[in-house]
């Protein structure tokens, strides 16, 4: 148990759990409070952002467990995955919020979404690389 508490990957498990908690909150808010406010296209965008956030929350938890069991200390896959989720899902949340509030500058968030997606993809290739390196 002490090994787990001193594990340098512990913070990534916390990030994964935080993504899950916030995803549930945003998903519930969207399904109930925003359902009558947002147009269908925006609700679908919100669901996509929540889905990616939730999947990668679970993925962070799973990858931490796998990496810990194999003694892999690499942190870059986790950094890229976490930043990818923040940028991908966060930019979609911001686009919806800014658009519905009719704030100027909503379009600035558009290019952030594919950057986040690219970081998520890169993180998975790094996970694969780390797993291949296991002897």
Protein backbone atom coordinates (compact mmCIF):
# COMPACT_ATOMS: atom_id res chain seq x y z
CA UNK A 1 0.00 0.00 0.00
CA UNK A 2 2.85 2.36 0.82
CA UNK A 3 4.28 1.84 -2.68
CA UNK A 4 1.00 3.08 -4.14
CA UNK A 5 0.94 6.16 -1.90
CA UNK A 6 4.48 7.10 -2.93
CA UNK A 7 3.88 6.36 -6.62
CA UNK A 8 4.88 9.34 -8.80
CA UNK A 9 1.97 8.46 -11.11
CA UNK A 10 -0.54 9.08 -8.31
CA UNK A 11 -1.27 12.63 -9.48
CA UNK A 12 -2.33 11.28 -12.89
CA UNK A 13 -4.83 8.98 -11.19
CA UNK A 14 -6.16 12.05 -9.39
CA UNK A 15 -6.43 13.86 -12.74
CA UNK A 16 -8.34 10.88 -14.16
CA UNK A 17 -10.75 10.84 -11.23
CA UNK A 18 -11.19 14.62 -11.49
CA UNK A 19 -12.00 14.33 -15.20
CA UNK A 20 -14.63 11.74 -14.30
CA UNK A 21 -16.19 13.85 -11.54
CA UNK A 22 -16.33 17.02 -13.64
CA UNK A 23 -17.60 15.03 -16.62
CA UNK A 24 -20.51 13.68 -14.57
CA UNK A 25 -21.33 17.19 -13.35
CA UNK A 26 -21.21 18.76 -16.82
CA UNK A 27 -23.06 15.82 -18.37
CA UNK A 28 -25.85 16.01 -15.79
CA UNK A 29 -26.06 19.78 -16.15
CA UNK A 30 -26.32 19.41 -19.92
CA UNK A 31 -28.91 16.64 -19.75
CA UNK A 32 -31.15 18.53 -17.35
CA UNK A 33 -30.57 22.28 -17.10
CA UNK A 34 -29.31 22.93 -20.63
CA UNK A 35 -31.62 20.55 -22.50
CA UNK A 36 -34.31 23.21 -22.91
CA UNK A 37 -31.84 26.05 -23.53
CA UNK A 38 -29.30 24.74 -26.04
CA UNK A 39 -30.10 23.84 -29.64
CA UNK A 40 -29.71 20.14 -30.51
CA UNK A 41 -26.40 20.70 -32.35
CA UNK A 42 -24.85 22.34 -29.26
CA UNK A 43 -26.16 19.56 -27.01
CA UNK A 44 -24.51 17.01 -29.29
CA UNK A 45 -21.24 18.96 -29.10
CA UNK A 46 -21.53 19.04 -25.32
CA UNK A 47 -22.13 15.28 -25.25
CA UNK A 48 -19.06 14.72 -27.44
CA UNK A 49 -16.89 16.81 -25.11
CA UNK A 50 -18.21 15.01 -22.03
CA UNK A 51 -17.77 11.59 -23.68
CA UNK A 52 -14.11 12.26 -24.55
CA UNK A 53 -13.47 13.66 -21.09
CA UNK A 54 -15.04 10.63 -19.41
CA UNK A 55 -13.29 8.07 -21.64
CA UNK A 56 -9.94 9.67 -20.98
CA UNK A 57 -10.59 9.95 -17.27
CA UNK A 58 -11.01 6.17 -17.24
CA UNK A 59 -8.03 5.83 -19.58
CA UNK A 60 -5.79 7.82 -17.24
CA UNK A 61 -6.80 5.61 -14.33
CA UNK A 62 -6.23 2.44 -16.37
CA UNK A 63 -2.89 3.59 -17.79
CA UNK A 64 -1.66 4.55 -14.32
CA UNK A 65 -2.55 1.05 -13.10
CA UNK A 66 -0.84 -0.62 -16.08
CA UNK A 67 2.24 1.60 -15.92
CA UNK A 68 2.53 1.05 -12.16
CA UNK A 69 2.24 -2.72 -12.51
CA UNK A 70 5.06 -2.76 -15.08
CA UNK A 71 7.19 -0.20 -13.25
CA UNK A 72 6.95 2.34 -16.06
CA UNK A 73 7.67 5.85 -14.81
CA UNK A 74 7.04 7.76 -18.07
CA UNK A 75 4.94 10.85 -17.49
CA UNK A 76 4.72 12.39 -20.96
CA UNK A 77 1.86 10.18 -22.12
CA UNK A 78 -0.14 11.40 -19.13
CA UNK A 79 0.80 15.03 -19.63
CA UNK A 80 -0.26 14.92 -23.27
CA UNK A 81 -3.48 13.08 -22.47
CA UNK A 82 -4.44 15.49 -19.68
CA UNK A 83 -3.65 18.60 -21.71
CA UNK A 84 -5.39 17.08 -24.71
CA UNK A 85 -8.58 16.56 -22.73
CA UNK A 86 -8.41 20.04 -21.22
CA UNK A 87 -7.94 21.62 -24.64
CA UNK A 88 -10.32 19.36 -26.58
CA UNK A 89 -13.25 19.20 -24.18
CA UNK A 90 -12.54 22.59 -22.61
CA UNK A 91 -12.57 24.36 -25.96
CA UNK A 92 -15.91 22.78 -26.85
CA UNK A 93 -17.34 23.88 -23.50
CA UNK A 94 -16.02 27.39 -24.12
CA UNK A 95 -17.39 27.49 -27.68
CA UNK A 96 -20.85 26.55 -26.41
CA UNK A 97 -20.71 29.01 -23.51
CA UNK A 98 -19.35 31.90 -25.56
CA UNK A 99 -21.75 31.28 -28.43
CA UNK A 100 -24.82 31.08 -26.22
CA UNK A 101 -23.74 34.17 -24.27
CA UNK A 102 -23.12 35.93 -27.61
CA UNK A 103 -19.65 36.97 -26.47
CA UNK A 104 -17.22 38.27 -29.04
CA UNK A 105 -14.26 36.04 -29.74
CA UNK A 106 -15.98 32.65 -29.60
CA UNK A 107 -14.27 31.71 -32.87
CA UNK A 108 -10.89 31.88 -31.12
CA UNK A 109 -11.71 28.61 -29.36
CA UNK A 110 -12.36 26.71 -32.62
CA UNK A 111 -8.71 25.98 -33.50
CA UNK A 112 -8.00 24.79 -29.95
CA UNK A 113 -10.21 21.70 -30.32
CA UNK A 114 -8.07 19.92 -32.96
CA UNK A 115 -4.91 20.80 -31.02
CA UNK A 116 -6.38 19.00 -28.02
CA UNK A 117 -7.39 16.06 -30.21
CA UNK A 118 -3.88 15.86 -31.63
CA UNK A 119 -2.39 15.79 -28.12
CA UNK A 120 -4.75 12.96 -27.16
CA UNK A 121 -3.72 10.96 -30.24
CA UNK A 122 -0.04 11.61 -29.51
CA UNK A 123 -0.54 10.46 -25.92
CA UNK A 124 -1.89 7.11 -27.13
CA UNK A 125 1.10 6.61 -29.41
CA UNK A 126 3.36 7.35 -26.44
CA UNK A 127 1.46 4.80 -24.34
CA UNK A 128 1.98 2.25 -27.11
CA UNK A 129 5.69 3.12 -27.27
CA UNK A 130 6.09 2.66 -23.51
CA UNK A 131 4.30 -0.69 -23.60
CA UNK A 132 6.46 -1.92 -26.49
CA UNK A 133 9.60 -1.03 -24.50
CA UNK A 134 8.62 -3.45 -21.70
CA UNK A 135 10.98 -6.41 -21.54
